[in-house]
Amino acid sequence: MGLELVAIAVTPTFAQMAFAEKLGIDFPLLSDWEGTTAAAYGVRYDIWKGHTGLAKRSVFVIDRDGRISYVWSNDDALTLPEFDQVMEAIAAVTRT
């Protein structure tokens, strides 16, 4: 589909490397250790379960021109996005 998939988490690089190896993940896992990316995208918790600076579970679809065309974010870290909606958003940007 001509996509690039990346995941960003507020965890150290070595933890992400172990996570990727354990699950066989073959796309980049980026570390936002200080939470600056989460803050810039408006998805950083002030405080969540006593922890500060964590990122909310979120999905962003960004088109070829760098425009955000779809956003899903939830304050409940245990809630997953509607994957059909995410796939529809991806299909929409790949058609252009």
PDB file of N, CA and C in Angstrom:
ATOM      1  N   MET A   1       0.815  -1.200   0.000  1.00  0.00           N
ATOM      2  CA  MET A   1       0.000   0.000   0.000  1.00  0.00           C
ATOM      3  C   MET A   1       0.860   1.267   0.000  1.00  0.00           C
ATOM      4  N   GLY A   2       2.178   1.110   0.052  1.00  0.00           N
ATOM      5  CA  GLY A   2       3.050   2.262   0.058  1.00  0.00           C
ATOM      6  C   GLY A   2       3.068   3.000   1.380  1.00  0.00           C
ATOM      7  N   LEU A   3       2.888   2.266   2.455  1.00  0.00           N
ATOM      8  CA  LEU A   3       2.829   2.873   3.784  1.00  0.00           C
ATOM      9  C   LEU A   3       4.111   2.657   4.555  1.00  0.00           C
ATOM     10  N   GLU A   4       4.312   3.522   5.534  1.00  0.00           N
ATOM     11  CA  GLU A   4       5.380   3.317   6.495  1.00  0.00           C
ATOM     12  C   GLU A   4       4.724   3.282   7.867  1.00  0.00           C
ATOM     13  N   LEU A   5       4.908   2.205   8.577  1.00  0.00           N
ATOM     14  CA  LEU A   5       4.328   2.023   9.899  1.00  0.00           C
ATOM     15  C   LEU A   5       5.417   2.203  10.939  1.00  0.00           C
ATOM     16  N   VAL A   6       5.146   3.023  11.937  1.00  0.00           N
ATOM     17  CA  VAL A   6       6.052   3.181  13.070  1.00  0.00           C
ATOM     18  C   VAL A   6       5.210   3.206  14.341  1.00  0.00           C
ATOM     19  N   ALA A   7       5.810   2.794  15.424  1.00  0.00           N
ATOM     20  CA  ALA A   7       5.174   2.888  16.741  1.00  0.00           C
ATOM     21  C   ALA A   7       6.079   3.722  17.623  1.00  0.00           C
ATOM     22  N   ILE A   8       5.468   4.553  18.439  1.00  0.00           N
ATOM     23  CA  ILE A   8       6.218   5.416  19.345  1.00  0.00           C
ATOM     24  C   ILE A   8       5.686   5.174  20.752  1.00  0.00           C
ATOM     25  N   ALA A   9       6.594   4.971  21.681  1.00  0.00           N
ATOM     26  CA  ALA A   9       6.193   4.760  23.071  1.00  0.00           C
ATOM     27  C   ALA A   9       7.146   5.495  23.998  1.00  0.00           C
ATOM     28  N   VAL A  10       6.628   5.797  25.181  1.00  0.00           N
ATOM     29  CA  VAL A  10       7.433   6.486  26.189  1.00  0.00           C
ATOM     30  C   VAL A  10       8.154   5.419  27.016  1.00  0.00           C
ATOM     31  N   THR A  11       9.006   4.682  26.325  1.00  0.00           N
ATOM     32  CA  THR A  11       9.820   3.640  26.949  1.00  0.00           C
ATOM     33  C   THR A  11      11.225   3.720  26.378  1.00  0.00           C
ATOM     34  N   PRO A  12      12.202   3.220  27.131  1.00  0.00           N
ATOM     35  CA  PRO A  12      13.573   3.291  26.629  1.00  0.00           C
ATOM     36  C   PRO A  12      13.790   2.357  25.434  1.00  0.00           C
ATOM     37  N   THR A  13      14.754   2.707  24.624  1.00  0.00           N
ATOM     38  CA  THR A  13      15.053   1.952  23.410  1.00  0.00           C
ATOM     39  C   THR A  13      15.322   0.485  23.691  1.00  0.00           C
ATOM     40  N   PHE A  14      16.098   0.165  24.748  1.00  0.00           N
ATOM     41  CA  PHE A  14      16.421  -1.237  25.019  1.00  0.00           C
ATOM     42  C   PHE A  14      15.166  -2.043  25.336  1.00  0.00           C
ATOM     43  N   ALA A  15      14.177  -1.440  25.994  1.00  0.00           N
ATOM     44  CA  ALA A  15      12.926  -2.147  26.293  1.00  0.00           C
ATOM     45  C   ALA A  15      12.145  -2.396  25.006  1.00  0.00           C
ATOM     46  N   GLN A  16      12.148  -1.430  24.117  1.00  0.00           N
ATOM     47  CA  GLN A  16      11.447  -1.604  22.845  1.00  0.00           C
ATOM     48  C   GLN A  16      12.111  -2.673  21.986  1.00  0.00           C
ATOM     49  N   MET A  17      13.428  -2.733  22.014  1.00  0.00           N
ATOM     50  CA  MET A  17      14.134  -3.755  21.249  1.00  0.00           C
ATOM     51  C   MET A  17      13.749  -5.152  21.754  1.00  0.00           C
ATOM     52  N   ALA A  18      13.679  -5.335  23.057  1.00  0.00           N
ATOM     53  CA  ALA A  18      13.293  -6.630  23.631  1.00  0.00           C
ATOM     54  C   ALA A  18      11.846  -6.957  23.281  1.00  0.00           C
ATOM     55  N   PHE A  19      10.963  -5.965  23.343  1.00  0.00           N
ATOM     56  CA  PHE A  19       9.556  -6.133  22.997  1.00  0.00           C
ATOM     57  C   PHE A  19       9.416  -6.559  21.536  1.00  0.00           C
ATOM     58  N   ALA A  20      10.118  -5.875  20.647  1.00  0.00           N
ATOM     59  CA  ALA A  20      10.054  -6.187  19.218  1.00  0.00           C
ATOM     60  C   ALA A  20      10.570  -7.588  18.935  1.00  0.00           C
ATOM     61  N   GLU A  21      11.663  -7.949  19.588  1.00  0.00           N
ATOM     62  CA  GLU A  21      12.226  -9.285  19.375  1.00  0.00           C
ATOM     63  C   GLU A  21      11.269 -10.362  19.861  1.00  0.00           C
ATOM     64  N   LYS A  22      10.687 -10.156  21.024  1.00  0.00           N
ATOM     65  CA  LYS A  22       9.775 -11.159  21.597  1.00  0.00           C
ATOM     66  C   LYS A  22       8.546 -11.375  20.722  1.00  0.00           C
ATOM     67  N   LEU A  23       8.024 -10.279  20.143  1.00  0.00           N
ATOM     68  CA  LEU A  23       6.803 -10.371  19.338  1.00  0.00           C
ATOM     69  C   LEU A  23       7.060 -10.485  17.836  1.00  0.00           C
ATOM     70  N   GLY A  24       8.328 -10.445  17.430  1.00  0.00           N
ATOM     71  CA  GLY A  24       8.644 -10.548  16.006  1.00  0.00           C
ATOM     72  C   GLY A  24       8.200  -9.330  15.202  1.00  0.00           C
ATOM     73  N   ILE A  25       8.263  -8.166  15.799  1.00  0.00           N
ATOM     74  CA  ILE A  25       7.851  -6.935  15.133  1.00  0.00           C
ATOM     75  C   ILE A  25       8.951  -6.499  14.171  1.00  0.00           C
ATOM     76  N   ASP A  26       8.550  -6.200  12.935  1.00  0.00           N
ATOM     77  CA  ASP A  26       9.554  -5.845  11.921  1.00  0.00           C
ATOM     78  C   ASP A  26       9.418  -4.407  11.424  1.00  0.00           C
ATOM     79  N   PHE A  27       8.735  -3.558  12.204  1.00  0.00           N
ATOM     80  CA  PHE A  27       8.663  -2.144  11.855  1.00  0.00           C
ATOM     81  C   PHE A  27       9.309  -1.340  12.983  1.00  0.00           C
ATOM     82  N   PRO A  28       9.693  -0.101  12.710  1.00  0.00           N
ATOM     83  CA  PRO A  28      10.408   0.683  13.716  1.00  0.00           C
ATOM     84  C   PRO A  28       9.565   0.985  14.957  1.00  0.00           C
ATOM     85  N   LEU A  29      10.191   0.811  16.110  1.00  0.00           N
ATOM     86  CA  LEU A  29       9.620   1.234  17.384  1.00  0.00           C
ATOM     87  C   LEU A  29      10.490   2.386  17.873  1.00  0.00           C
ATOM     88  N   LEU A  30       9.912   3.551  17.966  1.00  0.00           N
ATOM     89  CA  LEU A  30      10.664   4.744  18.326  1.00  0.00           C
ATOM     90  C   LEU A  30      10.446   5.095  19.789  1.00  0.00           C
ATOM     91  N   SER A  31      11.492   5.568  20.435  1.00  0.00           N
ATOM     92  CA  SER A  31      11.415   5.932  21.842  1.00  0.00           C
ATOM     93  C   SER A  31      11.138   7.425  21.992  1.00  0.00           C
ATOM     94  N   ASP A  32      10.098   7.738  22.731  1.00  0.00           N
ATOM     95  CA  ASP A  32       9.764   9.117  23.094  1.00  0.00           C
ATOM     96  C   ASP A  32       9.958   9.241  24.607  1.00  0.00           C
ATOM     97  N   TRP A  33      11.136   8.861  25.053  1.00  0.00           N
ATOM     98  CA  TRP A  33      11.463   8.723  26.472  1.00  0.00           C
ATOM     99  C   TRP A  33      11.064   9.947  27.293  1.00  0.00           C
ATOM    100  N   GLU A  34      11.235  11.137  26.751  1.00  0.00           N
ATOM    101  CA  GLU A  34      10.895  12.341  27.505  1.00  0.00           C
ATOM    102  C   GLU A  34       9.472  12.828  27.245  1.00  0.00           C
ATOM    103  N   GLY A  35       8.745  12.148  26.356  1.00  0.00           N
ATOM    104  CA  GLY A  35       7.350  12.479  26.100  1.00  0.00           C
ATOM    105  C   GLY A  35       7.126  13.714  25.256  1.00  0.00           C
ATOM    106  N   THR A  36       8.161  14.184  24.586  1.00  0.00           N
ATOM    107  CA  THR A  36       8.010  15.413  23.809  1.00  0.00           C
ATOM    108  C   THR A  36       7.130  15.221  22.573  1.00  0.00           C
ATOM    109  N   THR A  37       7.220  14.072  21.947  1.00  0.00           N
ATOM    110  CA  THR A  37       6.374  13.807  20.779  1.00  0.00           C
ATOM    111  C   THR A  37       4.917  13.680  21.205  1.00  0.00           C
ATOM    112  N   ALA A  38       4.675  12.951  22.288  1.00  0.00           N
ATOM    113  CA  ALA A  38       3.306  12.815  22.800  1.00  0.00           C
ATOM    114  C   ALA A  38       2.725  14.183  23.146  1.00  0.00           C
ATOM    115  N   ALA A  39       3.519  15.032  23.762  1.00  0.00           N
ATOM    116  CA  ALA A  39       3.052  16.383  24.102  1.00  0.00           C
ATOM    117  C   ALA A  39       2.757  17.186  22.843  1.00  0.00           C
ATOM    118  N   ALA A  40       3.638  17.105  21.854  1.00  0.00           N
ATOM    119  CA  ALA A  40       3.461  17.864  20.614  1.00  0.00           C
ATOM    120  C   ALA A  40       2.190  17.455  19.875  1.00  0.00           C
ATOM    121  N   TYR A  41       1.833  16.173  19.964  1.00  0.00           N
ATOM    122  CA  TYR A  41       0.633  15.676  19.294  1.00  0.00           C
ATOM    123  C   TYR A  41      -0.601  15.731  20.196  1.00  0.00           C
ATOM    124  N   GLY A  42      -0.446  16.254  21.411  1.00  0.00           N
ATOM    125  CA  GLY A  42      -1.584  16.427  22.311  1.00  0.00           C
ATOM    126  C   GLY A  42      -2.111  15.152  22.928  1.00  0.00           C
ATOM    127  N   VAL A  43      -1.246  14.139  23.073  1.00  0.00           N
ATOM    128  CA  VAL A  43      -1.700  12.849  23.601  1.00  0.00           C
ATOM    129  C   VAL A  43      -0.878  12.397  24.811  1.00  0.00           C
ATOM    130  N   ARG A  44      -0.411  13.345  25.585  1.00  0.00           N
ATOM    131  CA  ARG A  44       0.348  12.997  26.782  1.00  0.00           C
ATOM    132  C   ARG A  44      -0.523  13.222  28.013  1.00  0.00           C
ATOM    133  N   TYR A  45      -0.577  12.205  28.863  1.00  0.00           N
ATOM    134  CA  TYR A  45      -1.282  12.355  30.131  1.00  0.00           C
ATOM    135  C   TYR A  45      -0.530  13.335  31.018  1.00  0.00           C
ATOM    136  N   ASP A  46      -1.258  14.134  31.763  1.00  0.00           N
ATOM    137  CA  ASP A  46      -0.621  14.902  32.822  1.00  0.00           C
ATOM    138  C   ASP A  46      -0.199  13.918  33.917  1.00  0.00           C
ATOM    139  N   ILE A  47      -1.168  13.142  34.375  1.00  0.00           N
ATOM    140  CA  ILE A  47      -0.903  12.072  35.350  1.00  0.00           C
ATOM    141  C   ILE A  47      -1.821  10.910  35.010  1.00  0.00           C
ATOM    142  N   TRP A  48      -1.248   9.709  34.957  1.00  0.00           N
ATOM    143  CA  TRP A  48      -2.044   8.499  34.737  1.00  0.00           C
ATOM    144  C   TRP A  48      -1.570   7.454  35.733  1.00  0.00           C
ATOM    145  N   LYS A  49      -2.477   7.069  36.622  1.00  0.00           N
ATOM    146  CA  LYS A  49      -2.192   6.062  37.645  1.00  0.00           C
ATOM    147  C   LYS A  49      -0.908   6.381  38.416  1.00  0.00           C
ATOM    148  N   GLY A  50      -0.740   7.657  38.740  1.00  0.00           N
ATOM    149  CA  GLY A  50       0.408   8.084  39.522  1.00  0.00           C
ATOM    150  C   GLY A  50       1.675   8.354  38.729  1.00  0.00           C
ATOM    151  N   HIS A  51       1.637   8.169  37.421  1.00  0.00           N
ATOM    152  CA  HIS A  51       2.808   8.393  36.571  1.00  0.00           C
ATOM    153  C   HIS A  51       2.600   9.654  35.734  1.00  0.00           C
ATOM    154  N   THR A  52       3.663  10.387  35.507  1.00  0.00           N
ATOM    155  CA  THR A  52       3.571  11.593  34.688  1.00  0.00           C
ATOM    156  C   THR A  52       4.284  11.381  33.354  1.00  0.00           C
ATOM    157  N   GLY A  53       3.816  12.110  32.337  1.00  0.00           N
ATOM    158  CA  GLY A  53       4.490  12.125  31.043  1.00  0.00           C
ATOM    159  C   GLY A  53       4.231  10.936  30.145  1.00  0.00           C
ATOM    160  N   LEU A  54       3.301  10.066  30.493  1.00  0.00           N
ATOM    161  CA  LEU A  54       3.022   8.907  29.642  1.00  0.00           C
ATOM    162  C   LEU A  54       2.148   9.307  28.457  1.00  0.00           C
ATOM    163  N   ALA A  55       2.259   8.553  27.384  1.00  0.00           N
ATOM    164  CA  ALA A  55       1.458   8.812  26.191  1.00  0.00           C
ATOM    165  C   ALA A  55       0.151   8.030  26.255  1.00  0.00           C
ATOM    166  N   LYS A  56      -0.904   8.654  25.760  1.00  0.00           N
ATOM    167  CA  LYS A  56      -2.189   7.974  25.639  1.00  0.00           C
ATOM    168  C   LYS A  56      -2.123   7.008  24.457  1.00  0.00           C
ATOM    169  N   ARG A  57      -2.916   5.961  24.521  1.00  0.00           N
ATOM    170  CA  ARG A  57      -3.015   5.070  23.360  1.00  0.00           C
ATOM    171  C   ARG A  57      -3.632   5.874  22.224  1.00  0.00           C
ATOM    172  N   SER A  58      -2.931   5.952  21.113  1.00  0.00           N
ATOM    173  CA  SER A  58      -3.347   6.824  20.009  1.00  0.00           C
ATOM    174  C   SER A  58      -2.961   6.228  18.673  1.00  0.00           C
ATOM    175  N   VAL A  59      -3.681   6.662  17.642  1.00  0.00           N
ATOM    176  CA  VAL A  59      -3.360   6.307  16.256  1.00  0.00           C
ATOM    177  C   VAL A  59      -3.421   7.581  15.431  1.00  0.00           C
ATOM    178  N   PHE A  60      -2.392   7.795  14.629  1.00  0.00           N
ATOM    179  CA  PHE A  60      -2.372   8.916  13.689  1.00  0.00           C
ATOM    180  C   PHE A  60      -2.100   8.355  12.303  1.00  0.00           C
ATOM    181  N   VAL A  61      -2.873   8.789  11.341  1.00  0.00           N
ATOM    182  CA  VAL A  61      -2.594   8.478   9.946  1.00  0.00           C
ATOM    183  C   VAL A  61      -2.163   9.797   9.313  1.00  0.00           C
ATOM    184  N   ILE A  62      -0.968   9.786   8.761  1.00  0.00           N
ATOM    185  CA  ILE A  62      -0.385  10.997   8.195  1.00  0.00           C
ATOM    186  C   ILE A  62      -0.184  10.763   6.699  1.00  0.00           C
ATOM    187  N   ASP A  63      -0.680  11.683   5.884  1.00  0.00           N
ATOM    188  CA  ASP A  63      -0.602  11.483   4.434  1.00  0.00           C
ATOM    189  C   ASP A  63       0.790  11.812   3.901  1.00  0.00           C
ATOM    190  N   ARG A  64       0.965  11.645   2.605  1.00  0.00           N
ATOM    191  CA  ARG A  64       2.272  11.847   1.967  1.00  0.00           C
ATOM    192  C   ARG A  64       2.797  13.276   2.108  1.00  0.00           C
ATOM    193  N   ASP A  65       1.876  14.224   2.300  1.00  0.00           N
ATOM    194  CA  ASP A  65       2.270  15.623   2.445  1.00  0.00           C
ATOM    195  C   ASP A  65       2.519  16.010   3.895  1.00  0.00           C
ATOM    196  N   GLY A  66       2.452  15.028   4.795  1.00  0.00           N
ATOM    197  CA  GLY A  66       2.703  15.286   6.204  1.00  0.00           C
ATOM    198  C   GLY A  66       1.514  15.822   6.973  1.00  0.00           C
ATOM    199  N   ARG A  67       0.336  15.773   6.361  1.00  0.00           N
ATOM    200  CA  ARG A  67      -0.878  16.234   7.037  1.00  0.00           C
ATOM    201  C   ARG A  67      -1.515  15.081   7.803  1.00  0.00           C
ATOM    202  N   ILE A  68      -1.964  15.369   8.998  1.00  0.00           N
ATOM    203  CA  ILE A  68      -2.664  14.369   9.796  1.00  0.00           C
ATOM    204  C   ILE A  68      -4.076  14.250   9.239  1.00  0.00           C
ATOM    205  N   SER A  69      -4.416  13.061   8.740  1.00  0.00           N
ATOM    206  CA  SER A  69      -5.731  12.871   8.138  1.00  0.00           C
ATOM    207  C   SER A  69      -6.677  12.076   9.031  1.00  0.00           C
ATOM    208  N   TYR A  70      -6.155  11.457  10.063  1.00  0.00           N
ATOM    209  CA  TYR A  70      -6.994  10.678  10.985  1.00  0.00           C
ATOM    210  C   TYR A  70      -6.323  10.647  12.337  1.00  0.00           C
ATOM    211  N   VAL A  71      -7.129  10.825  13.385  1.00  0.00           N
ATOM    212  CA  VAL A  71      -6.626  10.750  14.750  1.00  0.00           C
ATOM    213  C   VAL A  71      -7.608   9.940  15.583  1.00  0.00           C
ATOM    214  N   TRP A  72      -7.065   9.029  16.345  1.00  0.00           N
ATOM    215  CA  TRP A  72      -7.836   8.341  17.373  1.00  0.00           C
ATOM    216  C   TRP A  72      -6.996   8.360  18.643  1.00  0.00           C
ATOM    217  N   SER A  73      -7.597   8.750  19.742  1.00  0.00           N
ATOM    218  CA  SER A  73      -6.911   8.762  21.023  1.00  0.00           C
ATOM    219  C   SER A  73      -7.939   8.507  22.102  1.00  0.00           C
ATOM    220  N   ASN A  74      -7.503   7.883  23.188  1.00  0.00           N
ATOM    221  CA  ASN A  74      -8.432   7.544  24.258  1.00  0.00           C
ATOM    222  C   ASN A  74      -7.742   7.710  25.599  1.00  0.00           C
ATOM    223  N   ASP A  75      -8.456   8.253  26.562  1.00  0.00           N
ATOM    224  CA  ASP A  75      -7.892   8.430  27.902  1.00  0.00           C
ATOM    225  C   ASP A  75      -7.750   7.108  28.647  1.00  0.00           C
ATOM    226  N   ASP A  76      -8.460   6.072  28.204  1.00  0.00           N
ATOM    227  CA  ASP A  76      -8.366   4.750  28.825  1.00  0.00           C
ATOM    228  C   ASP A  76      -7.344   3.921  28.054  1.00  0.00           C
ATOM    229  N   ALA A  77      -6.187   3.704  28.652  1.00  0.00           N
ATOM    230  CA  ALA A  77      -5.096   2.995  27.972  1.00  0.00           C
ATOM    231  C   ALA A  77      -5.449   1.554  27.627  1.00  0.00           C
ATOM    232  N   LEU A  78      -6.506   1.022  28.203  1.00  0.00           N
ATOM    233  CA  LEU A  78      -6.900  -0.357  27.922  1.00  0.00           C
ATOM    234  C   LEU A  78      -7.861  -0.465  26.742  1.00  0.00           C
ATOM    235  N   THR A  79      -8.335   0.664  26.245  1.00  0.00           N
ATOM    236  CA  THR A  79      -9.258   0.673  25.109  1.00  0.00           C
ATOM    237  C   THR A  79      -8.476   0.673  23.803  1.00  0.00           C
ATOM    238  N   LEU A  80      -8.855  -0.199  22.905  1.00  0.00           N
ATOM    239  CA  LEU A  80      -8.219  -0.278  21.587  1.00  0.00           C
ATOM    240  C   LEU A  80      -9.032   0.508  20.567  1.00  0.00           C
ATOM    241  N   PRO A  81      -8.383   0.991  19.517  1.00  0.00           N
ATOM    242  CA  PRO A  81      -9.123   1.699  18.467  1.00  0.00           C
ATOM    243  C   PRO A  81      -9.971   0.721  17.659  1.00  0.00           C
ATOM    244  N   GLU A  82     -10.932   1.272  16.931  1.00  0.00           N
ATOM    245  CA  GLU A  82     -11.706   0.476  15.975  1.00  0.00           C
ATOM    246  C   GLU A  82     -10.820   0.285  14.749  1.00  0.00           C
ATOM    247  N   PHE A  83     -10.258  -0.898  14.601  1.00  0.00           N
ATOM    248  CA  PHE A  83      -9.270  -1.126  13.553  1.00  0.00           C
ATOM    249  C   PHE A  83      -9.847  -0.977  12.152  1.00  0.00           C
ATOM    250  N   ASP A  84     -11.147  -1.245  11.976  1.00  0.00           N
ATOM    251  CA  ASP A  84     -11.770  -1.033  10.667  1.00  0.00           C
ATOM    252  C   ASP A  84     -11.714   0.448  10.282  1.00  0.00           C
ATOM    253  N   GLN A  85     -11.941   1.336  11.245  1.00  0.00           N
ATOM    254  CA  GLN A  85     -11.868   2.772  10.969  1.00  0.00           C
ATOM    255  C   GLN A  85     -10.445   3.193  10.620  1.00  0.00           C
ATOM    256  N   VAL A  86      -9.476   2.625  11.324  1.00  0.00           N
ATOM    257  CA  VAL A  86      -8.074   2.926  11.025  1.00  0.00           C
ATOM    258  C   VAL A  86      -7.736   2.474   9.609  1.00  0.00           C
ATOM    259  N   MET A  87      -8.157   1.278   9.257  1.00  0.00           N
ATOM    260  CA  MET A  87      -7.874   0.764   7.911  1.00  0.00           C
ATOM    261  C   MET A  87      -8.571   1.604   6.827  1.00  0.00           C
ATOM    262  N   GLU A  88      -9.765   2.086   7.108  1.00  0.00           N
ATOM    263  CA  GLU A  88     -10.459   2.971   6.165  1.00  0.00           C
ATOM    264  C   GLU A  88      -9.679   4.283   5.977  1.00  0.00           C
ATOM    265  N   ALA A  89      -9.152   4.813   7.078  1.00  0.00           N
ATOM    266  CA  ALA A  89      -8.367   6.049   6.997  1.00  0.00           C
ATOM    267  C   ALA A  89      -7.073   5.814   6.200  1.00  0.00           C
ATOM    268  N   ILE A  90      -6.462   4.667   6.401  1.00  0.00           N
ATOM    269  CA  ILE A  90      -5.252   4.327   5.643  1.00  0.00           C
ATOM    270  C   ILE A  90      -5.579   4.179   4.161  1.00  0.00           C
ATOM    271  N   ALA A  91      -6.675   3.489   3.865  1.00  0.00           N
ATOM    272  CA  ALA A  91      -7.076   3.306   2.467  1.00  0.00           C
ATOM    273  C   ALA A  91      -7.348   4.661   1.806  1.00  0.00           C
ATOM    274  N   ALA A  92      -7.921   5.586   2.555  1.00  0.00           N
ATOM    275  CA  ALA A  92      -8.243   6.909   1.992  1.00  0.00           C
ATOM    276  C   ALA A  92      -6.977   7.654   1.605  1.00  0.00           C
ATOM    277  N   VAL A  93      -5.936   7.584   2.420  1.00  0.00           N
ATOM    278  CA  VAL A  93      -4.713   8.334   2.074  1.00  0.00           C
ATOM    279  C   VAL A  93      -3.899   7.628   1.012  1.00  0.00           C
ATOM    280  N   THR A  94      -4.054   6.322   0.867  1.00  0.00           N
ATOM    281  CA  THR A  94      -3.295   5.616  -0.164  1.00  0.00           C
ATOM    282  C   THR A  94      -3.944   5.753  -1.535  1.00  0.00           C
ATOM    283  N   ARG A  95      -5.203   6.156  -1.577  1.00  0.00           N
ATOM    284  CA  ARG A  95      -5.874   6.363  -2.858  1.00  0.00           C
ATOM    285  C   ARG A  95      -5.487   7.692  -3.494  1.00  0.00           C
ATOM    286  N   THR A  96      -4.954   8.597  -2.687  1.00  0.00           N
ATOM    287  CA  THR A  96      -4.657   9.931  -3.228  1.00  0.00           C
ATOM    288  C   THR A  96      -3.289   9.956  -3.867  1.00  0.00           C
TER     289      THR A  96
END
